[in-house]
Amino acid sequence: MSKVLATTPKQDGFRMPAEWEPHIGCWMLWPERSDNWRSGAKPAQHAFAAVAAAIAQGEPVTVCASPAQYLIAREMLDPSVRLVEMTSNDSWIRDCGPTFVVNDAGAVRGIDWKFNAWGGLAGGLYFPWDQDDLVGEKVIELERDDRYAPDFILEGGSIDVDGQGTLLTTEECLLNPNRNPDKSRAEIEKYLCDYLNLEKIIWLEKGVYLDETSGHTDNFCRFVAPGEVVLTWTEDRSDPQYAISAGALERLEKATDARGRRLNIHKLVAPKPVLITAEEAAGVDKVAGTLPREAGNRLAASYVNFYIANDVIVMPRFNDPADDPAQDALAKLFPTRRIVSVPGREIVLGGGNIHCITQQEPLGRRLLRMAGAA
């Protein structure tokens, strides 16, 4: 059984590593709810299986599926993917799963944040979310790691770190009163600094236009190396995204990281607006308490929502002219990793993309375990 710790990672010398640091593997949740995924979630399941297979080219993958879906998932997933039984409300493990932290000796611990489905009863996306709120604890328990359990609501997609003391986030999300209404900006910053071992927080105002997560930074602006970020961009000044991205660019150009470096900013041009078709909308069950999918609604499609595995980068494609330039840009930013693209439309129909449905687990000293040592 993992031990629940009363201290903070900062007190204990633990930090959140950057995503490009070595992983022991990647965690995912299997989609099944018909009020978020069309056609009984079958198209989404094929999309998730493709993502899992792509990541498995670069590191081990574990998918968690409900008892009712276990045999279905086992048949659809690549044989190299480990499958475990776990109950959840939906499949966004980036947001409901744990954040792992490491120390200089290579020990790994988990942070089990509170989760309220992106806003609880004041704008959240579905009800209930009780099983999602247990996912972090369950994953940490499976790994036999010690666990931090702060009384703090945080989704993993709302933050991004460089592993050297700097964090990116948005005011739109973390200062939203439907997350931690009893905490001031200064108190929120203290939680982030104490639990992720930070020295600098770079606040952007908003995220991708109409992002139903309240502007998660993992869909908008992320670190790709110390002092290097990618930013969702559009050259269309009539698009509401332009003003949001231009405002972020201005803040980023003025910012420095925890080590005093100015940021090198790489613009990643977004696909043309992705709209829900009538057929897609009709395939999603309408249920009270779940955000409906309506024909013509714009989705928050972005190439920034990629996953960094040990040996590959897995990015979404949208059958758009911007697909290939985005892949070329990522290839230049990650010259030691192979870029693998998979169709992202079915995932974004559910409200996120590849980064949102994945959660990395750092390697730490687990190299010993992988090698079969005691």
Foldseek 3Di string as FASTA:
>chain_A
DAAEDPAACLVVAKAFAAQQFAFQEKEWEAFAAQQQFFPRCPVVRLQVQVLQVVLVVFHAYEYEYAPVCQVVSCVNHDVRHHYDYADFPGMQCQFLAWGWIAHPQQAIATEQEAEQQLQNPHQHAFPDGVRSSCRHVVVRVVVNHHYYYDPFHTGNLQWGDQRPAEIEGECQRPVPCSGPVVDDPVRSVVNCCRHRVHDYYQYAHAAFPPQSSRHGCLQAKYDLHVQEMEGEAAPPPVDPRHVSRVSRVVSLQPDAGPVRHRHDYHYQYFFDWDFAAPVRQVRGDDDPRHDGRDGGDTFSGGQSNWRNGNAAIETEDAPGPSRVVNLVVVCVSCVRHHYHYGHFPSVRSSRGGDNRRMDTHHCRVCVCVVVVHD
